[in-house]
N, C-alpha and C. Protein backbone atom coordinates (compact mmCIF):
# COMPACT_ATOMS: atom_id res chain seq x y z
N UNK A 1 0.66 -0.98 -0.33
CA UNK A 1 0.11 0.27 -0.11
C UNK A 1 1.49 1.17 0.03
N UNK A 2 0.82 2.12 -0.57
CA UNK A 2 1.66 3.23 -1.00
C UNK A 2 0.57 4.14 -0.47
N UNK A 3 1.25 5.34 0.05
CA UNK A 3 0.86 6.54 0.85
C UNK A 3 0.71 7.31 -0.02
N UNK A 4 0.51 8.33 0.05
CA UNK A 4 0.49 9.15 -0.74
C UNK A 4 0.99 10.93 0.18
N UNK A 5 1.84 11.41 -0.46
CA UNK A 5 2.28 12.69 -0.43
C UNK A 5 2.21 13.30 0.00
N UNK A 6 1.20 14.19 0.67
CA UNK A 6 0.43 15.44 0.71
C UNK A 6 1.41 16.72 0.75
N UNK A 7 1.28 17.33 -0.15
CA UNK A 7 1.94 19.13 -0.18
C UNK A 7 2.16 19.62 1.23
N UNK A 8 3.58 20.15 1.46
CA UNK A 8 3.82 20.39 2.76
C UNK A 8 3.03 21.95 2.93
N UNK A 9 2.91 21.88 3.98
CA UNK A 9 1.82 23.76 3.78
C UNK A 9 2.68 24.58 5.23
N UNK A 10 3.28 25.48 4.95
CA UNK A 10 3.92 26.01 5.95
C UNK A 10 2.83 26.56 7.42
N UNK A 11 3.35 26.36 8.23
CA UNK A 11 2.43 26.67 9.05
C UNK A 11 2.10 28.04 9.13
N UNK A 12 0.61 28.47 9.66
CA UNK A 12 1.26 30.01 9.86
C UNK A 12 -0.16 29.99 11.94
N UNK A 13 0.33 31.17 12.00
CA UNK A 13 -0.29 31.73 13.14
C UNK A 13 -0.85 32.70 13.25
N UNK A 14 -2.32 32.11 13.72
CA UNK A 14 -3.34 33.41 13.56
C UNK A 14 -2.98 34.68 14.30
N UNK A 15 -2.78 36.02 13.59
CA UNK A 15 -2.88 36.86 14.73
C UNK A 15 -4.22 37.29 14.57
N UNK A 16 -5.79 37.57 15.05
CA UNK A 16 -6.47 38.52 15.56
C UNK A 16 -6.87 38.45 16.83
N UNK A 17 -6.11 36.86 17.29
CA UNK A 17 -6.72 36.49 18.83
C UNK A 17 -5.72 37.46 19.97
N UNK A 18 -5.06 37.38 19.00
CA UNK A 18 -3.42 38.53 19.80
C UNK A 18 -3.87 40.09 19.76
N UNK A 19 -4.70 40.87 19.15
CA UNK A 19 -5.24 42.13 18.59
C UNK A 19 -5.67 42.62 19.80
N UNK A 20 -6.99 41.31 20.30
CA UNK A 20 -8.28 40.93 20.97
C UNK A 20 -7.54 41.14 22.29
N UNK A 21 -6.79 40.06 22.71
CA UNK A 21 -5.60 40.26 24.41
C UNK A 21 -5.00 41.60 24.01
N UNK A 22 -4.49 41.71 23.44
CA UNK A 22 -3.16 43.53 22.99
C UNK A 22 -4.97 45.01 23.98
N UNK A 23 -5.69 44.41 23.41
CA UNK A 23 -7.18 45.52 22.97
C UNK A 23 -7.43 45.48 25.06
N UNK A 24 -7.60 44.11 24.85
CA UNK A 24 -8.30 44.15 26.67
C UNK A 24 -7.62 44.43 26.95
N UNK A 25 -6.04 43.53 27.72
CA UNK A 25 -4.82 44.50 28.54
C UNK A 25 -4.95 46.42 28.56
N UNK A 26 -4.92 46.09 27.41
CA UNK A 26 -4.42 48.15 27.33
C UNK A 26 -5.99 48.81 28.07
N UNK A 27 -7.61 48.00 28.25
CA UNK A 27 -8.65 48.81 29.10
C UNK A 27 -8.19 47.81 30.21
N UNK A 28 -7.82 47.48 30.69
CA UNK A 28 -7.86 47.19 31.67
C UNK A 28 -6.77 48.08 32.44
N UNK A 29 -5.74 48.43 32.00
CA UNK A 29 -4.60 48.89 32.77
C UNK A 29 -5.43 49.99 32.75
N UNK A 30 -5.52 51.14 31.70
CA UNK A 30 -6.49 52.23 31.48
C UNK A 30 -7.06 52.31 32.98
N UNK A 31 -8.76 51.13 33.23
CA UNK A 31 -9.28 51.19 34.12
C UNK A 31 -9.15 51.14 35.28
N UNK A 32 -8.07 50.73 35.61
CA UNK A 32 -7.63 50.06 37.16
C UNK A 32 -6.33 50.99 37.16
N UNK A 33 -5.79 52.79 36.47
CA UNK A 33 -5.08 52.96 36.92
C UNK A 33 -5.36 54.56 37.05
N UNK A 34 -5.37 54.30 38.97
CA UNK A 34 -5.54 55.49 39.36
C UNK A 34 -4.13 57.10 39.08
N UNK A 35 -5.62 57.88 38.87
CA UNK A 35 -5.29 59.17 38.11
C UNK A 35 -4.81 60.06 38.96
N UNK A 36 -3.86 60.92 39.70
CA UNK A 36 -3.42 61.55 41.48
C UNK A 36 -2.72 62.75 40.72
N UNK A 37 -3.51 63.54 41.36
CA UNK A 37 -3.18 64.85 41.21
C UNK A 37 -2.27 65.32 41.53
N UNK A 38 -0.91 65.61 40.60
CA UNK A 38 0.13 66.12 41.84
C UNK A 38 0.00 67.48 42.81
N UNK A 39 0.56 68.29 43.33
CA UNK A 39 0.10 68.68 44.45
C UNK A 39 1.89 69.24 44.79
N UNK A 40 2.07 70.04 44.12
CA UNK A 40 3.12 71.82 44.19
C UNK A 40 3.65 72.84 45.57
N UNK A 41 4.57 73.78 45.96
CA UNK A 41 4.25 73.96 46.33
C UNK A 41 3.97 75.65 45.64
N UNK A 42 3.06 75.85 46.94
CA UNK A 42 2.88 77.36 46.68
C UNK A 42 4.61 77.77 46.80
N UNK A 43 4.60 79.51 45.39
CA UNK A 43 5.29 80.05 45.62
C UNK A 43 4.62 81.72 46.17
N UNK A 44 5.70 82.35 47.20
CA UNK A 44 5.42 84.00 46.67
C UNK A 44 6.50 84.25 45.78
N UNK A 45 5.75 85.05 45.05
CA UNK A 45 6.36 86.22 43.88
C UNK A 45 6.22 87.21 44.66
N UNK A 46 7.75 88.05 43.69
CA UNK A 46 8.02 89.63 45.08
C UNK A 46 7.41 90.63 44.01
N UNK A 47 6.23 91.17 44.05
CA UNK A 47 6.03 92.49 43.39
C UNK A 47 6.93 92.95 42.16
N UNK A 48 6.11 93.61 41.88
CA UNK A 48 7.63 94.46 40.19
C UNK A 48 7.80 95.48 40.27
N UNK A 49 7.58 96.05 41.96
CA UNK A 49 7.95 97.41 42.18
C UNK A 49 9.16 97.10 42.55
N UNK A 50 9.75 98.78 41.88
CA UNK A 50 11.24 98.82 42.66
C UNK A 50 11.14 99.78 42.95
N UNK A 51 12.41 99.18 44.34
CA UNK A 51 12.59 100.73 45.06
C UNK A 51 14.15 101.07 44.73
N UNK A 52 13.46 102.55 44.22
CA UNK A 52 14.74 103.46 44.31
C UNK A 52 16.19 103.55 45.15
N UNK A 53 16.21 102.86 46.05
CA UNK A 53 17.91 102.25 47.01
C UNK A 53 18.64 101.12 45.88
N UNK A 54 17.51 100.08 45.70
CA UNK A 54 17.79 99.36 45.07
C UNK A 54 18.36 98.86 43.42
N UNK A 55 17.79 100.21 42.98
CA UNK A 55 18.56 100.36 41.83
C UNK A 55 20.32 100.65 40.78
N UNK A 56 20.57 99.64 40.19
CA UNK A 56 20.79 98.86 39.35
C UNK A 56 22.38 100.49 39.20
N UNK A 57 23.50 100.53 39.48
CA UNK A 57 24.15 101.56 38.77
C UNK A 57 24.44 101.14 37.71
N UNK A 58 24.41 102.10 36.51
CA UNK A 58 25.37 101.92 35.54
C UNK A 58 26.65 101.62 35.41
N UNK A 59 27.12 100.59 34.69
CA UNK A 59 29.10 100.17 34.41
C UNK A 59 29.74 101.58 33.52
N UNK A 60 30.60 102.16 34.42
CA UNK A 60 31.57 102.51 33.71
C UNK A 60 32.16 102.21 32.75
N UNK A 61 32.37 103.61 32.52
CA UNK A 61 32.54 102.84 30.44
C UNK A 61 33.87 104.44 29.91
N UNK A 62 35.36 103.83 29.10
CA UNK A 62 36.27 104.53 28.81
C UNK A 62 36.23 104.06 27.77
N UNK A 63 36.17 104.95 27.31
CA UNK A 63 37.10 104.85 25.56
C UNK A 63 37.80 106.06 25.26
N UNK A 64 39.11 104.88 24.43
CA UNK A 64 39.52 105.92 24.38
C UNK A 64 40.19 105.23 22.62
N UNK A 65 40.57 106.66 21.91
CA UNK A 65 40.67 107.01 20.73
C UNK A 65 42.19 107.62 20.39
N UNK A 66 42.81 107.40 19.18
CA UNK A 66 44.55 107.56 18.77
C UNK A 66 43.81 109.66 19.75
N UNK A 67 45.17 109.87 20.68
CA UNK A 67 44.48 111.32 21.20
C UNK A 67 43.84 111.79 22.70
N UNK A 68 42.32 110.87 22.12
CA UNK A 68 41.63 110.85 22.87
C UNK A 68 40.75 109.47 24.43
N UNK A 69 40.19 110.43 25.09
CA UNK A 69 39.89 109.49 26.06
C UNK A 69 39.08 110.03 26.56
N UNK A 70 37.65 109.48 26.48
CA UNK A 70 36.36 110.05 26.84
C UNK A 70 35.59 109.19 28.00
N UNK A 71 35.41 109.25 29.30
CA UNK A 71 34.62 108.86 30.72
C UNK A 71 32.90 109.34 31.07
N UNK A 72 32.92 108.06 31.22
CA UNK A 72 31.42 108.04 31.49
C UNK A 72 30.61 108.02 30.87
N UNK A 73 29.14 108.64 31.19
CA UNK A 73 27.61 107.80 30.46
C UNK A 73 27.67 108.95 29.58
N UNK A 74 28.53 109.95 30.07
CA UNK A 74 27.87 111.79 28.84
C UNK A 74 29.47 111.37 27.97
N UNK A 75 30.33 110.80 27.76
CA UNK A 75 31.63 110.12 26.94
C UNK A 75 32.57 111.57 27.32
N UNK A 76 32.66 112.44 28.75
CA UNK A 76 32.91 113.57 27.92
C UNK A 76 35.14 113.31 27.96
N UNK A 77 35.21 113.81 27.38
CA UNK A 77 36.72 113.81 26.47
C UNK A 77 37.76 114.59 27.89
N UNK A 78 38.66 114.02 28.62
CA UNK A 78 38.99 114.19 29.59
C UNK A 78 39.97 113.78 29.35
N UNK A 79 41.52 114.66 30.17
CA UNK A 79 43.22 114.13 30.34
C UNK A 79 42.74 112.95 30.98
N UNK A 80 45.03 112.54 30.96
CA UNK A 80 44.51 111.17 31.21
C UNK A 80 44.67 111.31 32.95
N UNK A 81 44.82 112.59 33.43
CA UNK A 81 44.72 113.55 35.04
C UNK A 81 43.77 113.34 35.47
N UNK A 82 42.65 113.39 34.17
CA UNK A 82 41.39 114.13 34.85
C UNK A 82 41.25 112.29 35.45
N UNK A 83 41.17 111.64 34.87
CA UNK A 83 40.91 110.10 33.85
C UNK A 83 40.98 109.37 35.55
N UNK A 84 42.31 109.86 35.54
CA UNK A 84 42.49 109.50 37.23
C UNK A 84 41.92 110.04 38.17
N UNK A 85 42.03 111.01 38.11
CA UNK A 85 41.43 112.00 40.07
C UNK A 85 40.05 110.89 39.28
N UNK A 86 38.98 111.07 38.35
CA UNK A 86 38.04 110.67 38.48
C UNK A 86 37.24 108.82 39.38
N UNK A 87 38.24 108.27 38.26
CA UNK A 87 38.77 106.93 38.73
C UNK A 87 38.62 106.67 40.00
N UNK A 88 39.92 107.63 40.85
CA UNK A 88 40.22 107.37 42.73
C UNK A 88 38.85 108.25 43.12
N UNK A 89 37.75 108.95 42.75
CA UNK A 89 36.77 108.88 43.41
C UNK A 89 35.96 108.49 43.25
N UNK A 90 35.45 106.92 42.63
CA UNK A 90 34.94 106.23 42.22
C UNK A 90 35.23 104.82 43.96
N UNK A 91 35.99 105.13 44.14
CA UNK A 91 36.41 104.43 45.01
C UNK A 91 35.36 103.01 45.04
N UNK A 92 36.67 101.95 43.97
CA UNK A 92 36.41 100.75 43.77
C UNK A 92 36.29 99.56 45.34
N UNK A 93 37.15 99.87 45.94
CA UNK A 93 37.32 99.28 47.07
C UNK A 93 36.20 98.81 47.82
N UNK A 94 35.62 100.08 47.69
CA UNK A 94 34.39 100.10 48.99
C UNK A 94 32.86 99.38 48.41
N UNK A 95 33.23 98.97 47.26
CA UNK A 95 32.13 98.32 46.30
C UNK A 95 32.06 97.04 46.10
N UNK A 96 31.13 96.44 45.74
CA UNK A 96 30.93 94.49 45.83
C UNK A 96 31.73 94.82 44.39
N UNK A 97 32.28 93.44 43.81
CA UNK A 97 33.13 92.92 42.54
C UNK A 97 32.43 93.55 41.19
N UNK A 98 31.40 92.72 41.49
CA UNK A 98 30.47 93.54 40.32
C UNK A 98 29.99 94.33 39.60
N UNK A 99 30.10 95.24 41.00
CA UNK A 99 30.44 97.09 40.48
C UNK A 99 31.46 97.25 40.34
N UNK A 100 32.12 96.69 40.99
CA UNK A 100 34.57 97.47 40.07
C UNK A 100 34.26 97.62 38.50
N UNK A 101 33.67 97.37 37.91
CA UNK A 101 34.33 96.50 36.26
C UNK A 101 33.75 98.26 35.93
N UNK A 102 35.15 98.53 34.87
CA UNK A 102 35.41 99.56 33.98
C UNK A 102 35.23 98.98 32.62
N UNK A 103 34.49 99.26 31.57
CA UNK A 103 34.24 98.65 30.21
C UNK A 103 35.61 100.14 29.28
N UNK A 104 36.53 99.05 29.36
CA UNK A 104 37.01 100.17 28.21
C UNK A 104 37.03 99.19 26.76
N UNK A 105 36.71 100.36 26.20
CA UNK A 105 36.69 100.53 24.69
C UNK A 105 37.63 101.23 24.51
N UNK A 106 38.25 100.64 23.56
CA UNK A 106 39.78 100.92 22.48
C UNK A 106 39.73 100.71 20.92
N UNK A 107 40.16 101.60 20.15
CA UNK A 107 39.62 101.91 18.62
C UNK A 107 40.77 100.49 19.13
N UNK A 108 41.67 100.90 17.77
CA UNK A 108 42.58 99.86 17.02
C UNK A 108 43.80 100.44 16.54
N UNK A 109 43.24 102.54 16.52
CA UNK A 109 44.81 103.28 16.03
C UNK A 109 45.28 103.58 17.15
N UNK A 110 44.88 103.20 18.43
CA UNK A 110 44.76 103.95 20.16
C UNK A 110 46.25 103.16 20.20
N UNK A 111 47.61 104.66 19.98
CA UNK A 111 49.09 103.33 20.13
C UNK A 111 49.08 103.13 21.68
N UNK A 112 50.17 101.47 21.78
CA UNK A 112 49.92 100.80 23.26
C UNK A 112 50.59 101.25 24.34
N UNK A 113 51.18 102.27 24.22
CA UNK A 113 51.62 103.04 25.56
C UNK A 113 50.37 103.56 25.83
N UNK A 114 49.79 104.87 24.71
CA UNK A 114 48.44 105.12 25.38
C UNK A 114 46.80 104.36 26.17
N UNK A 115 46.88 102.89 25.59
CA UNK A 115 46.11 102.09 25.48
C UNK A 115 46.74 100.86 27.05
N UNK A 116 48.00 101.40 27.65
CA UNK A 116 48.48 100.85 28.32
C UNK A 116 48.37 102.47 29.72
N UNK A 117 48.26 103.09 29.09
CA UNK A 117 48.52 104.28 31.00
C UNK A 117 46.92 103.76 30.89
N UNK A 118 45.24 103.82 30.25
CA UNK A 118 44.80 103.89 30.95
C UNK A 118 44.35 102.23 32.01
N UNK A 119 44.81 101.26 31.22
CA UNK A 119 44.46 100.42 31.35
C UNK A 119 45.33 100.14 33.32
N UNK A 120 46.31 100.57 33.28
CA UNK A 120 47.21 100.81 34.19
C UNK A 120 46.17 102.10 35.24
N UNK A 121 46.27 102.83 35.27
CA UNK A 121 45.27 103.72 35.65
C UNK A 121 43.88 103.28 36.20
N UNK A 122 43.32 103.09 35.73
CA UNK A 122 41.93 101.53 36.18
C UNK A 122 42.28 100.80 36.72
N UNK A 123 43.50 99.83 36.64
CA UNK A 123 44.51 98.90 38.16
C UNK A 123 44.70 99.71 39.37
N UNK A 124 45.02 100.72 39.32
CA UNK A 124 45.86 101.21 40.13
C UNK A 124 44.42 102.15 41.22
N UNK A 125 43.06 101.94 40.47
CA UNK A 125 42.07 102.36 40.69
C UNK A 125 41.00 101.24 41.95
N UNK A 126 41.79 100.29 41.45
CA UNK A 126 41.06 99.26 41.96
C UNK A 126 39.58 98.68 41.21
N UNK A 127 40.03 98.58 39.73
CA UNK A 127 39.22 98.89 39.55
C UNK A 127 39.20 97.35 38.39
N UNK A 128 37.95 96.50 37.90
CA UNK A 128 38.22 95.64 36.92
C UNK A 128 37.77 95.92 35.15
N UNK A 129 39.10 95.61 34.35
CA UNK A 129 38.79 96.25 33.07
C UNK A 129 38.35 94.89 32.65
N UNK A 130 37.09 95.54 31.53
CA UNK A 130 36.54 94.28 30.84
C UNK A 130 36.34 95.08 29.02
N UNK A 131 37.36 94.30 28.65
CA UNK A 131 37.62 94.91 26.97
C UNK A 131 36.58 94.48 26.44
N UNK A 132 36.45 95.39 25.55
CA UNK A 132 34.81 95.57 24.40
C UNK A 132 36.15 94.96 23.13
N UNK A 133 35.36 94.18 22.49
CA UNK A 133 36.00 93.77 21.38
C UNK A 133 35.40 93.50 20.43
N UNK A 134 36.11 94.65 18.91
CA UNK A 134 35.81 94.92 18.00
C UNK A 134 36.17 93.58 16.81
N UNK A 135 35.98 93.24 15.92
CA UNK A 135 35.53 92.43 14.54
C UNK A 135 35.29 93.04 13.82
N UNK A 136 36.32 92.69 12.66
CA UNK A 136 35.86 93.13 11.30
C UNK A 136 34.29 91.97 10.59
N UNK A 137 33.26 93.12 9.93
CA UNK A 137 32.32 92.44 9.03
C UNK A 137 32.56 92.17 7.90
N UNK A 138 32.41 91.46 7.02
CA UNK A 138 33.56 91.79 5.90
C UNK A 138 32.84 93.53 4.96
N UNK A 139 31.70 93.77 5.24
CA UNK A 139 31.63 95.28 4.40
C UNK A 139 32.51 95.92 4.91
N UNK A 140 33.31 96.02 5.50
CA UNK A 140 34.80 96.94 6.29
C UNK A 140 34.87 97.35 7.12
N UNK A 141 32.99 97.64 7.77
CA UNK A 141 33.01 98.25 9.03
C UNK A 141 33.53 97.13 10.30
N UNK A 142 33.08 97.55 11.30
CA UNK A 142 32.64 96.98 12.42
C UNK A 142 32.22 96.93 13.77
N UNK A 143 31.83 96.05 14.16
CA UNK A 143 30.69 96.28 15.40
C UNK A 143 31.64 95.68 16.72
N UNK A 144 30.35 96.06 17.03
CA UNK A 144 30.89 96.15 19.58
C UNK A 144 30.51 95.13 18.91
N UNK A 145 31.62 93.99 19.47
CA UNK A 145 31.20 92.43 20.14
C UNK A 145 30.42 92.25 21.53
N UNK A 146 31.00 91.80 21.72
CA UNK A 146 30.85 91.35 23.08
C UNK A 146 32.08 92.26 24.17
N UNK A 147 31.61 91.68 25.72
CA UNK A 147 32.64 91.92 26.32
C UNK A 147 33.94 91.02 26.53
N UNK A 148 35.13 91.33 26.61
CA UNK A 148 35.63 90.44 26.91
C UNK A 148 36.40 90.12 28.44
N UNK A 149 37.06 89.49 28.66
CA UNK A 149 37.59 89.11 30.00
C UNK A 149 39.17 89.61 30.57
N UNK A 150 39.36 90.72 30.11
CA UNK A 150 40.57 90.56 30.65
C UNK A 150 40.64 91.59 31.89
N UNK A 151 40.58 90.84 32.61
CA UNK A 151 41.07 91.35 34.25
C UNK A 151 41.58 91.41 34.66
N UNK A 152 41.83 92.89 35.28
CA UNK A 152 43.19 93.08 36.46
C UNK A 152 42.99 93.67 37.46
N UNK A 153 43.77 93.71 38.19
CA UNK A 153 43.86 93.94 39.69
C UNK A 153 44.80 95.21 40.16
């Protein structure tokens, strides 16, 4: 007696019931999960009013160009001696370190000797020098980049 060979069939796994079970598990976990409202700490935020006594002072600026030194908010032209006097009147030792900063803006045409004298005047008055870095733009102009960190004491 000869047996007939049946063609070999690839076994298949029916995934239809797997999808049903996944949805049932999802619904189960959603229904059994308890949602809690997280409670935070109450913060006291200060009001927006400003005190006149807490007003922040503007930082001093010294601008040096060939043969010319400008000082302060009004950019008044001063001599080296007057600059030294004005810096000593600022009394940097009594101030906080953040208020001792003097911004120094020196053009690239300034002779080194003149630049060095201004830096030393600031340092002798116990100020901290913050340099303004000017970078050239493609069009040939310059822009006041940012403050560099050349600190002197």
